[in-house]
């Protein structure tokens, strides 16, 4: 019986060690600063600070990869979360969106933070400073709604053309 336990233990340890050799992509793609939400003059500094603190690790090309993101199986979980998050919303590519797409993203931001669905609980467990306060949520919601309205208004150039 002890021999079986040792064999099973050895197999498990061997598997864990070998699993460390398989690594998902954990990088930050190059970013054009002109496309980042930072380049958008309509984003107040206070809003940008909230986004950087609570959203950028997953929703930008500026992910800070903590030490445990290099350890299997955490590396697969974290890399998968970041990949999915960047596909849904990437603040490093904010300037690439047409106004109608930006409006949809702003509505999603408002919905997700207002319902307490973002940041994800598993992220907050390891990053408690990313937790959104009631005032953070109110500020993000107000900004998202105001920005949606601003995007709906015709620009000065369009008004002069008519």
N, C-alpha and C. Protein backbone atom coordinates (compact mmCIF):
# COMPACT_ATOMS: atom_id res chain seq x y z
N UNK A 1 0.82 -1.20 0.00
CA UNK A 1 0.00 0.00 0.00
C UNK A 1 0.87 1.26 0.00
N UNK A 2 1.93 1.26 0.83
CA UNK A 2 2.81 2.42 0.88
C UNK A 2 3.52 2.63 -0.46
N UNK A 3 3.83 1.53 -1.13
CA UNK A 3 4.49 1.63 -2.41
C UNK A 3 3.57 2.30 -3.44
N UNK A 4 2.28 1.95 -3.44
CA UNK A 4 1.32 2.56 -4.35
C UNK A 4 1.22 4.06 -4.10
N UNK A 5 1.18 4.44 -2.83
CA UNK A 5 1.09 5.86 -2.47
C UNK A 5 2.31 6.60 -2.97
N UNK A 6 3.49 6.01 -2.81
CA UNK A 6 4.72 6.64 -3.29
C UNK A 6 4.72 6.79 -4.80
N UNK A 7 4.26 5.76 -5.48
CA UNK A 7 4.22 5.81 -6.95
C UNK A 7 3.26 6.90 -7.40
N UNK A 8 2.06 6.93 -6.81
CA UNK A 8 1.08 7.96 -7.17
C UNK A 8 1.64 9.35 -6.86
N UNK A 9 2.24 9.50 -5.69
CA UNK A 9 2.84 10.78 -5.32
C UNK A 9 3.93 11.17 -6.31
N UNK A 10 4.76 10.23 -6.70
CA UNK A 10 5.83 10.50 -7.67
C UNK A 10 5.29 10.91 -9.02
N UNK A 11 4.23 10.25 -9.45
CA UNK A 11 3.61 10.59 -10.73
C UNK A 11 3.02 12.00 -10.67
N UNK A 12 2.34 12.32 -9.58
CA UNK A 12 1.75 13.65 -9.42
C UNK A 12 2.84 14.72 -9.41
N UNK A 13 3.89 14.51 -8.64
CA UNK A 13 4.99 15.47 -8.58
C UNK A 13 5.65 15.61 -9.95
N UNK A 14 5.87 14.50 -10.63
CA UNK A 14 6.45 14.55 -11.97
C UNK A 14 5.58 15.33 -12.94
N UNK A 15 4.28 15.11 -12.86
CA UNK A 15 3.34 15.83 -13.71
C UNK A 15 3.40 17.33 -13.44
N UNK A 16 3.41 17.70 -12.17
CA UNK A 16 3.45 19.12 -11.80
C UNK A 16 4.74 19.76 -12.32
N UNK A 17 5.83 19.07 -12.19
CA UNK A 17 7.12 19.61 -12.67
C UNK A 17 7.10 19.75 -14.20
N UNK A 18 6.63 18.74 -14.90
CA UNK A 18 6.57 18.80 -16.36
C UNK A 18 5.58 19.88 -16.84
N UNK A 19 4.51 20.03 -16.10
CA UNK A 19 3.51 21.03 -16.47
C UNK A 19 4.09 22.44 -16.45
N UNK A 20 5.10 22.67 -15.65
CA UNK A 20 5.72 24.00 -15.58
C UNK A 20 6.44 24.36 -16.88
N UNK A 21 6.74 23.35 -17.70
CA UNK A 21 7.43 23.59 -18.96
C UNK A 21 6.49 24.09 -20.05
N UNK A 22 5.19 23.86 -19.86
CA UNK A 22 4.20 24.29 -20.84
C UNK A 22 3.64 25.63 -20.39
N UNK A 23 3.84 26.64 -21.20
CA UNK A 23 3.46 27.99 -20.78
C UNK A 23 2.60 28.66 -21.85
N UNK A 24 1.53 29.30 -21.42
CA UNK A 24 0.74 30.09 -22.36
C UNK A 24 1.44 31.43 -22.65
N UNK A 25 0.99 32.10 -23.68
CA UNK A 25 1.52 33.43 -24.00
C UNK A 25 1.14 34.39 -22.87
N UNK A 26 2.13 35.10 -22.37
CA UNK A 26 1.91 36.02 -21.25
C UNK A 26 2.62 37.34 -21.55
N UNK A 27 2.26 37.95 -22.62
CA UNK A 27 2.96 39.18 -22.98
C UNK A 27 2.02 40.35 -23.11
N UNK A 28 2.60 41.46 -23.41
CA UNK A 28 1.84 42.67 -23.67
C UNK A 28 2.14 43.12 -25.10
N UNK A 29 1.13 43.08 -25.97
CA UNK A 29 1.36 43.50 -27.35
C UNK A 29 1.79 44.95 -27.42
N UNK A 30 2.51 45.32 -28.47
CA UNK A 30 2.87 46.73 -28.64
C UNK A 30 1.61 47.58 -28.78
N UNK A 31 1.71 48.78 -28.30
CA UNK A 31 0.55 49.68 -28.29
C UNK A 31 0.90 51.00 -28.94
N UNK A 32 -0.02 51.49 -29.74
CA UNK A 32 0.11 52.83 -30.31
C UNK A 32 -0.48 53.80 -29.28
N UNK A 33 0.34 54.64 -28.66
CA UNK A 33 -0.17 55.56 -27.63
C UNK A 33 -1.33 56.43 -28.12
N UNK A 34 -1.37 56.73 -29.40
CA UNK A 34 -2.45 57.57 -29.94
C UNK A 34 -3.79 56.85 -29.90
N UNK A 35 -3.79 55.52 -29.81
CA UNK A 35 -5.02 54.74 -29.78
C UNK A 35 -5.50 54.46 -28.36
N UNK A 36 -4.65 54.68 -27.39
CA UNK A 36 -4.99 54.41 -25.99
C UNK A 36 -6.07 55.37 -25.49
N UNK A 37 -6.83 54.90 -24.53
CA UNK A 37 -7.84 55.78 -23.91
C UNK A 37 -7.18 56.98 -23.26
N UNK A 38 -5.90 56.86 -22.92
CA UNK A 38 -5.17 58.00 -22.35
C UNK A 38 -5.09 59.18 -23.31
N UNK A 39 -5.15 58.89 -24.61
CA UNK A 39 -5.06 59.95 -25.61
C UNK A 39 -6.39 60.66 -25.82
N UNK A 40 -7.45 60.12 -25.25
CA UNK A 40 -8.79 60.70 -25.40
C UNK A 40 -8.95 61.85 -24.42
N UNK A 41 -9.09 63.04 -24.94
CA UNK A 41 -9.20 64.24 -24.09
C UNK A 41 -10.50 64.27 -23.29
N UNK A 42 -11.50 63.46 -23.69
CA UNK A 42 -12.79 63.47 -23.01
C UNK A 42 -12.80 62.59 -21.76
N UNK A 43 -11.66 61.98 -21.44
CA UNK A 43 -11.60 61.12 -20.25
C UNK A 43 -10.91 61.89 -19.13
N UNK A 44 -11.68 62.25 -18.09
CA UNK A 44 -11.09 62.98 -16.97
C UNK A 44 -10.00 62.16 -16.27
N UNK A 45 -9.04 62.87 -15.68
CA UNK A 45 -7.93 62.21 -14.98
C UNK A 45 -8.43 61.26 -13.89
N UNK A 46 -9.50 61.65 -13.19
CA UNK A 46 -10.03 60.82 -12.10
C UNK A 46 -10.56 59.49 -12.64
N UNK A 47 -11.20 59.54 -13.79
CA UNK A 47 -11.74 58.32 -14.41
C UNK A 47 -10.59 57.45 -14.89
N UNK A 48 -9.61 58.07 -15.52
CA UNK A 48 -8.45 57.33 -15.99
C UNK A 48 -7.74 56.63 -14.82
N UNK A 49 -7.64 57.31 -13.70
CA UNK A 49 -6.99 56.70 -12.52
C UNK A 49 -7.77 55.47 -12.04
N UNK A 50 -9.08 55.53 -12.05
CA UNK A 50 -9.91 54.38 -11.64
C UNK A 50 -9.69 53.23 -12.63
N UNK A 51 -9.74 53.53 -13.92
CA UNK A 51 -9.56 52.50 -14.94
C UNK A 51 -8.18 51.85 -14.83
N UNK A 52 -7.15 52.66 -14.62
CA UNK A 52 -5.79 52.12 -14.49
C UNK A 52 -5.68 51.21 -13.27
N UNK A 53 -6.27 51.61 -12.17
CA UNK A 53 -6.18 50.85 -10.92
C UNK A 53 -6.99 49.56 -10.96
N UNK A 54 -8.17 49.62 -11.55
CA UNK A 54 -9.10 48.50 -11.43
C UNK A 54 -9.34 47.71 -12.70
N UNK A 55 -8.92 48.22 -13.85
CA UNK A 55 -9.29 47.57 -15.11
C UNK A 55 -8.11 47.21 -16.02
N UNK A 56 -7.05 48.01 -15.98
CA UNK A 56 -5.99 47.88 -16.97
C UNK A 56 -5.26 46.54 -16.94
N UNK A 57 -5.16 45.87 -15.81
CA UNK A 57 -4.42 44.60 -15.79
C UNK A 57 -5.03 43.57 -16.75
N UNK A 58 -6.32 43.61 -16.93
CA UNK A 58 -6.97 42.66 -17.83
C UNK A 58 -7.42 43.31 -19.14
N UNK A 59 -7.83 44.56 -19.07
CA UNK A 59 -8.44 45.22 -20.22
C UNK A 59 -7.52 46.22 -20.90
N UNK A 60 -6.24 45.91 -20.99
CA UNK A 60 -5.31 46.76 -21.75
C UNK A 60 -4.11 45.91 -22.15
N UNK A 61 -3.24 46.51 -22.92
CA UNK A 61 -1.98 45.84 -23.29
C UNK A 61 -0.88 46.19 -22.30
N UNK A 62 -1.28 46.60 -21.10
CA UNK A 62 -0.33 46.98 -20.05
C UNK A 62 -0.49 46.10 -18.82
N UNK A 63 -0.75 44.84 -19.04
CA UNK A 63 -0.96 43.90 -17.94
C UNK A 63 0.31 43.79 -17.10
N UNK A 64 0.13 43.88 -15.79
CA UNK A 64 1.23 43.59 -14.87
C UNK A 64 1.09 42.13 -14.49
N UNK A 65 2.03 41.32 -14.91
CA UNK A 65 1.98 39.87 -14.70
C UNK A 65 2.65 39.54 -13.37
N UNK A 66 1.88 39.19 -12.34
CA UNK A 66 2.47 38.87 -11.04
C UNK A 66 3.24 37.54 -11.10
N UNK A 67 4.05 37.29 -10.09
CA UNK A 67 4.90 36.10 -10.07
C UNK A 67 4.09 34.82 -10.23
N UNK A 68 2.91 34.75 -9.63
CA UNK A 68 2.12 33.52 -9.69
C UNK A 68 1.51 33.28 -11.06
N UNK A 69 1.58 34.27 -11.94
CA UNK A 69 1.08 34.07 -13.30
C UNK A 69 2.08 33.27 -14.14
N UNK A 70 3.22 32.93 -13.55
CA UNK A 70 4.21 32.09 -14.24
C UNK A 70 4.15 30.64 -13.77
N UNK A 71 3.24 30.34 -12.85
CA UNK A 71 3.16 29.00 -12.27
C UNK A 71 1.92 28.28 -12.80
N UNK A 72 2.14 27.09 -13.37
CA UNK A 72 1.03 26.27 -13.82
C UNK A 72 0.31 25.72 -12.60
N UNK A 73 -0.99 25.74 -12.55
CA UNK A 73 -1.99 26.05 -13.57
C UNK A 73 -2.46 27.50 -13.58
N UNK A 74 -1.99 28.32 -12.63
CA UNK A 74 -2.42 29.72 -12.57
C UNK A 74 -2.13 30.46 -13.87
N UNK A 75 -1.01 30.15 -14.51
CA UNK A 75 -0.64 30.86 -15.74
C UNK A 75 -1.71 30.68 -16.82
N UNK A 76 -2.28 29.48 -16.93
CA UNK A 76 -3.32 29.26 -17.93
C UNK A 76 -4.60 30.00 -17.58
N UNK A 77 -4.96 30.00 -16.30
CA UNK A 77 -6.18 30.69 -15.88
C UNK A 77 -6.07 32.19 -16.10
N UNK A 78 -4.95 32.76 -15.68
CA UNK A 78 -4.76 34.22 -15.80
C UNK A 78 -4.62 34.64 -17.25
N UNK A 79 -3.81 33.93 -18.02
CA UNK A 79 -3.63 34.27 -19.44
C UNK A 79 -4.96 34.16 -20.19
N UNK A 80 -5.75 33.16 -19.86
CA UNK A 80 -7.06 33.02 -20.49
C UNK A 80 -7.99 34.16 -20.14
N UNK A 81 -8.01 34.54 -18.86
CA UNK A 81 -8.84 35.68 -18.44
C UNK A 81 -8.43 36.96 -19.15
N UNK A 82 -7.12 37.21 -19.24
CA UNK A 82 -6.63 38.44 -19.88
C UNK A 82 -6.96 38.43 -21.37
N UNK A 83 -6.77 37.30 -22.03
CA UNK A 83 -7.07 37.21 -23.46
C UNK A 83 -8.55 37.50 -23.73
N UNK A 84 -9.43 36.87 -22.95
CA UNK A 84 -10.87 37.11 -23.10
C UNK A 84 -11.23 38.57 -22.80
N UNK A 85 -10.62 39.12 -21.76
CA UNK A 85 -10.92 40.50 -21.37
C UNK A 85 -10.49 41.47 -22.46
N UNK A 86 -9.31 41.27 -23.02
CA UNK A 86 -8.82 42.17 -24.08
C UNK A 86 -9.70 42.10 -25.32
N UNK A 87 -10.25 40.92 -25.61
CA UNK A 87 -11.13 40.79 -26.77
C UNK A 87 -12.44 41.55 -26.57
N UNK A 88 -12.94 41.56 -25.35
CA UNK A 88 -14.20 42.26 -25.07
C UNK A 88 -14.01 43.77 -25.00
N UNK A 89 -12.91 44.20 -24.37
CA UNK A 89 -12.67 45.62 -24.15
C UNK A 89 -11.18 45.81 -23.90
N UNK A 90 -10.55 46.63 -24.74
CA UNK A 90 -9.13 46.88 -24.59
C UNK A 90 -8.90 48.40 -24.60
N UNK A 91 -8.58 48.94 -23.44
CA UNK A 91 -8.38 50.39 -23.33
C UNK A 91 -7.16 50.86 -24.11
N UNK A 92 -6.25 49.96 -24.45
CA UNK A 92 -5.09 50.33 -25.26
C UNK A 92 -5.47 50.54 -26.72
N UNK A 93 -6.66 50.08 -27.11
CA UNK A 93 -7.13 50.21 -28.50
C UNK A 93 -8.41 51.03 -28.58
N UNK A 94 -8.69 51.82 -27.57
CA UNK A 94 -9.93 52.60 -27.48
C UNK A 94 -10.14 53.49 -28.70
N UNK A 95 -9.09 54.11 -29.19
CA UNK A 95 -9.21 55.05 -30.30
C UNK A 95 -9.53 54.41 -31.64
N UNK A 96 -9.49 53.10 -31.72
CA UNK A 96 -9.80 52.41 -32.97
C UNK A 96 -11.30 52.26 -33.20
N UNK A 97 -12.09 52.52 -32.16
CA UNK A 97 -13.53 52.26 -32.25
C UNK A 97 -14.29 53.44 -32.86
N UNK A 98 -15.25 53.10 -33.71
CA UNK A 98 -16.18 54.09 -34.22
C UNK A 98 -17.12 54.46 -33.07
N UNK A 99 -17.74 55.64 -33.15
CA UNK A 99 -18.60 56.09 -32.05
C UNK A 99 -19.67 55.08 -31.62
N UNK A 100 -20.29 54.39 -32.57
CA UNK A 100 -21.35 53.44 -32.20
C UNK A 100 -20.78 52.27 -31.38
N UNK A 101 -19.59 51.81 -31.73
CA UNK A 101 -18.94 50.73 -30.96
C UNK A 101 -18.54 51.25 -29.58
N UNK A 102 -18.00 52.46 -29.53
CA UNK A 102 -17.60 53.06 -28.24
C UNK A 102 -18.81 53.22 -27.33
N UNK A 103 -19.96 53.60 -27.91
CA UNK A 103 -21.18 53.73 -27.11
C UNK A 103 -21.56 52.39 -26.48
N UNK A 104 -21.48 51.33 -27.26
CA UNK A 104 -21.78 50.00 -26.73
C UNK A 104 -20.83 49.60 -25.62
N UNK A 105 -19.55 49.91 -25.79
CA UNK A 105 -18.56 49.59 -24.76
C UNK A 105 -18.81 50.41 -23.49
N UNK A 106 -19.16 51.67 -23.67
CA UNK A 106 -19.46 52.52 -22.51
C UNK A 106 -20.68 51.99 -21.75
N UNK A 107 -21.68 51.53 -22.48
CA UNK A 107 -22.86 50.95 -21.83
C UNK A 107 -22.48 49.68 -21.08
N UNK A 108 -21.61 48.87 -21.69
CA UNK A 108 -21.14 47.64 -21.04
C UNK A 108 -20.38 47.97 -19.75
N UNK A 109 -19.52 48.98 -19.82
CA UNK A 109 -18.77 49.41 -18.62
C UNK A 109 -19.75 49.80 -17.52
N UNK A 110 -20.70 50.64 -17.86
CA UNK A 110 -21.70 51.08 -16.88
C UNK A 110 -22.45 49.89 -16.29
N UNK A 111 -22.92 49.01 -17.15
CA UNK A 111 -23.67 47.84 -16.67
C UNK A 111 -22.82 46.96 -15.75
N UNK A 112 -21.62 46.65 -16.18
CA UNK A 112 -20.76 45.72 -15.44
C UNK A 112 -20.37 46.26 -14.06
N UNK A 113 -19.98 47.54 -14.01
CA UNK A 113 -19.57 48.08 -12.71
C UNK A 113 -20.77 48.35 -11.82
N UNK A 114 -21.88 48.78 -12.40
CA UNK A 114 -23.08 49.06 -11.60
C UNK A 114 -23.64 47.79 -10.97
N UNK A 115 -23.52 46.68 -11.69
CA UNK A 115 -24.01 45.40 -11.17
C UNK A 115 -22.98 44.69 -10.28
N UNK A 116 -21.79 45.27 -10.14
CA UNK A 116 -20.75 44.67 -9.32
C UNK A 116 -20.10 43.46 -9.96
N UNK A 117 -20.22 43.33 -11.28
CA UNK A 117 -19.66 42.18 -11.98
C UNK A 117 -18.19 42.37 -12.36
N UNK A 118 -17.73 43.60 -12.29
CA UNK A 118 -16.33 43.91 -12.58
C UNK A 118 -15.81 44.80 -11.47
N UNK A 119 -14.56 44.65 -11.14
CA UNK A 119 -13.62 43.58 -11.48
C UNK A 119 -14.11 42.23 -10.94
N UNK A 120 -13.61 41.17 -11.56
CA UNK A 120 -14.01 39.82 -11.19
C UNK A 120 -13.60 39.50 -9.76
N UNK A 121 -14.41 38.72 -9.06
CA UNK A 121 -14.09 38.36 -7.66
C UNK A 121 -12.73 37.68 -7.50
N UNK A 122 -12.36 36.81 -8.44
CA UNK A 122 -11.06 36.14 -8.32
C UNK A 122 -9.89 37.11 -8.47
N UNK A 123 -10.09 38.17 -9.24
CA UNK A 123 -9.06 39.20 -9.37
C UNK A 123 -8.98 40.00 -8.07
N UNK A 124 -10.13 40.38 -7.53
CA UNK A 124 -10.17 41.17 -6.30
C UNK A 124 -9.57 40.41 -5.11
N UNK A 125 -9.68 39.10 -5.12
CA UNK A 125 -9.12 38.30 -4.02
C UNK A 125 -7.62 38.52 -3.90
N UNK A 126 -6.95 38.73 -5.03
CA UNK A 126 -5.50 38.92 -5.03
C UNK A 126 -5.09 40.38 -5.22
N UNK A 127 -6.05 41.23 -5.57
CA UNK A 127 -5.78 42.66 -5.82
C UNK A 127 -6.85 43.50 -5.13
N UNK A 128 -6.88 43.53 -3.82
CA UNK A 128 -7.96 44.24 -3.11
C UNK A 128 -8.00 45.75 -3.40
N UNK A 129 -6.90 46.34 -3.78
CA UNK A 129 -6.90 47.78 -4.09
C UNK A 129 -7.67 48.10 -5.37
N UNK A 130 -7.97 47.08 -6.17
CA UNK A 130 -8.72 47.28 -7.40
C UNK A 130 -10.22 47.36 -7.16
N UNK A 131 -10.64 47.05 -5.93
CA UNK A 131 -12.07 47.10 -5.61
C UNK A 131 -12.62 48.50 -5.86
N UNK A 132 -13.77 48.55 -6.50
CA UNK A 132 -14.41 49.83 -6.79
C UNK A 132 -15.26 50.26 -5.60
N UNK A 133 -15.08 51.50 -5.18
CA UNK A 133 -15.90 52.06 -4.11
C UNK A 133 -17.22 52.53 -4.72
N UNK A 134 -18.16 52.87 -3.87
CA UNK A 134 -19.43 53.41 -4.37
C UNK A 134 -19.19 54.68 -5.18
N UNK A 135 -18.27 55.52 -4.71
CA UNK A 135 -17.99 56.75 -5.46
C UNK A 135 -17.30 56.45 -6.80
N UNK A 136 -16.44 55.42 -6.84
CA UNK A 136 -15.83 55.00 -8.10
C UNK A 136 -16.90 54.57 -9.09
N UNK A 137 -17.83 53.76 -8.61
CA UNK A 137 -18.91 53.24 -9.47
C UNK A 137 -19.76 54.40 -9.98
N UNK A 138 -20.11 55.32 -9.09
CA UNK A 138 -20.91 56.48 -9.50
C UNK A 138 -20.17 57.32 -10.54
N UNK A 139 -18.88 57.54 -10.32
CA UNK A 139 -18.09 58.35 -11.25
C UNK A 139 -17.98 57.66 -12.62
N UNK A 140 -17.70 56.36 -12.62
CA UNK A 140 -17.61 55.63 -13.88
C UNK A 140 -18.94 55.64 -14.62
N UNK A 141 -20.01 55.44 -13.89
CA UNK A 141 -21.34 55.42 -14.49
C UNK A 141 -21.68 56.77 -15.10
N UNK A 142 -21.44 57.83 -14.35
CA UNK A 142 -21.72 59.18 -14.85
C UNK A 142 -20.88 59.48 -16.09
N UNK A 143 -19.59 59.14 -16.03
CA UNK A 143 -18.71 59.37 -17.19
C UNK A 143 -19.20 58.58 -18.40
N UNK A 144 -19.53 57.31 -18.20
CA UNK A 144 -19.96 56.47 -19.32
C UNK A 144 -21.22 57.03 -19.96
N UNK A 145 -22.17 57.45 -19.15
CA UNK A 145 -23.42 58.00 -19.69
C UNK A 145 -23.17 59.33 -20.40
N UNK A 146 -22.37 60.20 -19.80
CA UNK A 146 -22.06 61.50 -20.43
C UNK A 146 -21.29 61.31 -21.73
N UNK A 147 -20.38 60.36 -21.73
CA UNK A 147 -19.58 60.11 -22.94
C UNK A 147 -20.46 59.53 -24.05
N UNK A 148 -21.41 58.68 -23.69
CA UNK A 148 -22.33 58.15 -24.70
C UNK A 148 -23.12 59.30 -25.33
N UNK A 149 -23.61 60.21 -24.51
CA UNK A 149 -24.36 61.36 -25.02
C UNK A 149 -23.49 62.23 -25.91
N UNK A 150 -22.25 62.45 -25.48
CA UNK A 150 -21.34 63.27 -26.28
C UNK A 150 -21.11 62.63 -27.65
N UNK A 151 -20.97 61.32 -27.68
CA UNK A 151 -20.73 60.63 -28.95
C UNK A 151 -21.95 60.67 -29.87
N UNK A 152 -23.13 60.84 -29.28
CA UNK A 152 -24.35 60.93 -30.09
C UNK A 152 -24.49 62.28 -30.78
N UNK A 153 -23.91 63.33 -30.17
CA UNK A 153 -24.03 64.67 -30.73
C UNK A 153 -23.16 64.80 -31.98
N UNK A 154 -23.68 65.49 -32.99
CA UNK A 154 -22.84 65.71 -34.18
C UNK A 154 -21.67 66.61 -33.82
N UNK A 155 -20.56 66.38 -34.46
CA UNK A 155 -19.38 67.19 -34.19
C UNK A 155 -19.54 68.58 -34.78
N UNK A 156 -18.67 69.49 -34.36
CA UNK A 156 -18.68 70.86 -34.89
C UNK A 156 -18.50 70.85 -36.41
N UNK A 157 -17.64 70.00 -36.90
CA UNK A 157 -17.36 69.93 -38.34
C UNK A 157 -18.62 69.52 -39.09
N UNK A 158 -19.33 68.48 -38.55
CA UNK A 158 -20.55 68.02 -39.21
C UNK A 158 -21.61 69.11 -39.21
N UNK A 159 -21.73 69.88 -38.14
CA UNK A 159 -22.74 70.94 -38.05
C UNK A 159 -22.44 72.06 -39.05
N UNK A 160 -21.17 72.38 -39.26
CA UNK A 160 -20.80 73.44 -40.20
C UNK A 160 -21.04 73.03 -41.63
N UNK A 161 -20.96 71.71 -41.91
CA UNK A 161 -21.16 71.21 -43.26
C UNK A 161 -22.62 71.27 -43.69
N UNK A 162 -23.54 71.34 -42.74
CA UNK A 162 -24.97 71.29 -43.09
C UNK A 162 -25.59 72.63 -43.15
